[in-house]
Amino acid sequence: MISILFYLKFMRILIINGPNLNLLGKREPEIYGSQSFEDFLNGLKGADDISLAYFQSNIEGEIIDRLQDADGQYDGIILNAGGYTHTSVAIADAVKVIETPVIEVHISNIFDRESFRHTSLTAPNAMGVISGFGLDSYRLAIAAFNNKNLD
């Protein structure tokens, strides 16, 4: 009798949200929707083959520390640096130096907003950018990591 062993590798993904994203559901619902991120995250955690961790901070240095600490501990990082996307050379440098792939996400279409939001300092160091699909931007990033994993 031949025994076949199947082993399921859980993809470990860390979601890092930056400033003001703790206010999702309350903050400008016409742009960001009315669902809290915690409620959305609970729905995401239903996937059997993905282990999701979550971190949010309004403090630039804490985001940098978390990126550095996460390096090598996760298969991928989904980063929504919020307003720091457009201003933080330090976060961009942290994304550049770590080896864990990062996908930058934005809930809104940053190119359909104020002109200062059209520039991302972190994007050149990310594996890719997903913008404008609401909270589904996070789902699309997870799908992108899954597709990369299947190659």
Protein backbone atom coordinates (compact mmCIF):
# COMPACT_ATOMS: atom_id res chain seq x y z
CA MET A 1 0.00 0.00 0.00
CA ILE A 2 1.35 3.40 -0.95
CA SER A 3 0.86 6.17 1.52
CA ILE A 4 0.75 9.72 0.25
CA LEU A 5 1.45 12.51 2.70
CA PHE A 6 -0.10 15.86 1.94
CA TYR A 7 1.15 18.80 3.81
CA LEU A 8 -0.48 22.17 3.79
CA LYS A 9 1.81 25.13 4.01
CA PHE A 10 0.12 28.08 5.58
CA MET A 11 1.04 31.33 3.93
CA ARG A 12 1.93 33.80 6.68
CA ILE A 13 0.95 37.37 5.82
CA LEU A 14 1.29 40.47 7.96
CA ILE A 15 -0.97 43.44 7.33
CA ILE A 16 0.44 46.77 8.48
CA ASN A 17 -1.83 49.79 8.50
CA GLY A 18 -0.58 53.30 9.10
CA PRO A 19 -2.07 56.48 10.51
CA ASN A 20 -5.80 57.02 10.79
CA LEU A 21 -6.66 53.59 9.43
CA ASN A 22 -7.80 52.68 12.93
CA LEU A 23 -10.73 55.02 12.17
CA LEU A 24 -12.09 53.01 9.23
CA GLY A 25 -15.84 52.84 9.44
CA LYS A 26 -15.97 56.34 10.95
CA ARG A 27 -13.53 58.36 8.83
CA GLU A 28 -14.86 59.72 5.54
CA PRO A 29 -17.16 56.79 4.75
CA GLU A 30 -17.75 58.18 1.25
CA ILE A 31 -14.08 57.44 0.53
CA TYR A 32 -13.21 54.58 2.88
CA GLY A 33 -16.56 52.86 3.42
CA SER A 34 -18.48 52.22 6.61
CA GLN A 35 -16.94 48.92 7.72
CA SER A 36 -14.31 48.85 10.46
CA PHE A 37 -11.04 47.19 9.59
CA GLU A 38 -11.43 44.76 12.49
CA ASP A 39 -14.77 43.53 11.08
CA PHE A 40 -13.24 43.22 7.62
CA LEU A 41 -10.20 41.38 9.01
CA ASN A 42 -12.41 38.86 10.81
CA GLY A 43 -13.92 37.98 7.43
CA LEU A 44 -10.48 37.60 5.86
CA LYS A 45 -9.30 35.20 8.54
CA GLY A 46 -11.65 32.49 7.26
CA ALA A 47 -9.18 31.24 4.63
CA ASP A 48 -7.77 27.84 5.57
CA ASP A 49 -4.41 28.27 3.91
CA ILE A 50 -3.51 31.73 5.18
CA SER A 51 -2.37 32.92 8.56
CA LEU A 52 -2.96 36.65 8.94
CA ALA A 53 -1.40 38.94 11.51
CA TYR A 54 -2.32 42.57 11.87
CA PHE A 55 -0.58 45.68 13.13
CA GLN A 56 -1.73 49.30 13.06
CA SER A 57 0.05 52.40 14.28
CA ASN A 58 -0.21 56.13 13.89
CA ILE A 59 3.51 56.40 14.68
CA GLU A 60 6.08 56.26 11.87
CA GLY A 61 8.83 54.68 13.98
CA GLU A 62 6.56 51.88 15.16
CA ILE A 63 5.72 51.02 11.55
CA ILE A 64 9.43 50.92 10.70
CA ASP A 65 10.15 48.73 13.75
CA ARG A 66 7.35 46.33 12.76
CA LEU A 67 8.61 46.08 9.17
CA GLN A 68 12.12 45.29 10.39
CA ASP A 69 10.92 42.80 13.03
CA ALA A 70 8.69 41.05 10.48
CA ASP A 71 11.48 40.47 7.97
CA GLY A 72 11.89 36.75 7.43
CA GLN A 73 9.01 35.94 9.76
CA TYR A 74 6.28 36.21 7.10
CA ASP A 75 5.84 35.16 3.49
CA GLY A 76 4.54 38.60 2.62
CA ILE A 77 3.60 41.97 4.05
CA ILE A 78 0.63 44.04 2.97
CA LEU A 79 1.41 47.68 3.75
CA ASN A 80 -1.04 50.54 3.77
CA ALA A 81 1.16 53.30 5.16
CA GLY A 82 -1.67 55.82 4.88
CA GLY A 83 -0.40 59.38 4.64
CA TYR A 84 3.16 58.19 5.27
CA THR A 85 3.07 56.67 1.79
CA HIS A 86 3.61 60.15 0.38
CA THR A 87 5.98 61.57 2.98
CA SER A 88 8.11 58.93 4.69
CA VAL A 89 11.54 58.32 3.25
CA ALA A 90 12.23 56.29 6.39
CA ILE A 91 9.38 53.82 5.76
CA ALA A 92 10.41 53.60 2.10
CA ASP A 93 13.96 52.76 3.21
CA ALA A 94 12.65 50.07 5.57
CA VAL A 95 10.65 48.47 2.76
CA LYS A 96 13.72 48.61 0.54
CA VAL A 97 16.07 46.92 3.01
CA ILE A 98 13.89 43.98 4.12
CA GLU A 99 13.81 40.77 2.13
CA THR A 100 10.16 39.86 2.77
CA PRO A 101 8.09 40.97 -0.22
CA VAL A 102 5.76 43.91 0.36
CA ILE A 103 2.61 44.81 -1.53
CA GLU A 104 1.47 48.40 -1.05
CA VAL A 105 -2.30 48.83 -0.85
CA HIS A 106 -4.66 51.77 -0.76
CA ILE A 107 -8.37 51.65 -0.14
CA SER A 108 -9.05 54.70 -2.31
CA ASN A 109 -7.72 55.42 -5.77
CA ILE A 110 -4.83 57.70 -4.80
CA PHE A 111 -4.68 59.00 -8.39
CA ASP A 112 -8.24 60.28 -8.14
CA ARG A 113 -7.48 62.37 -5.08
CA GLU A 114 -5.34 65.37 -4.20
CA SER A 115 -2.20 65.68 -6.30
CA PHE A 116 0.15 65.18 -3.33
CA ARG A 117 -1.28 61.65 -2.99
CA HIS A 118 -0.22 60.74 -6.52
CA THR A 119 3.37 60.16 -5.40
CA SER A 120 4.25 57.08 -3.38
CA LEU A 121 7.69 56.95 -1.82
CA THR A 122 7.22 53.31 -0.84
CA ALA A 123 5.97 51.97 -4.21
CA PRO A 124 9.38 51.72 -5.94
CA ASN A 125 10.48 49.28 -3.23
CA ALA A 126 7.29 47.21 -3.18
CA MET A 127 6.53 44.10 -5.19
CA GLY A 128 3.41 45.86 -6.49
CA VAL A 129 0.70 48.40 -5.70
CA ILE A 130 -3.06 47.88 -5.46
CA SER A 131 -5.18 51.00 -5.22
CA GLY A 132 -8.82 51.95 -5.43
CA PHE A 133 -10.74 48.75 -4.74
CA GLY A 134 -11.89 49.62 -1.24
CA LEU A 135 -11.13 47.05 1.41
CA ASP A 136 -10.98 44.47 -1.37
CA SER A 137 -7.53 45.90 -2.13
CA TYR A 138 -6.33 43.73 0.78
CA ARG A 139 -8.02 40.62 -0.70
CA LEU A 140 -6.35 41.34 -4.04
CA ALA A 141 -2.97 41.59 -2.32
CA ILE A 142 -3.54 38.23 -0.62
CA ALA A 143 -4.49 36.74 -4.00
CA ALA A 144 -1.30 38.18 -5.51
CA PHE A 145 0.80 36.53 -2.80
CA ASN A 146 -1.05 33.25 -3.38
CA ASN A 147 -0.40 33.44 -7.12
CA LYS A 148 3.28 34.19 -6.49
CA ASN A 149 3.42 31.19 -4.17
CA LEU A 150 2.05 28.89 -6.89
CA ASP A 151 4.77 29.74 -9.43
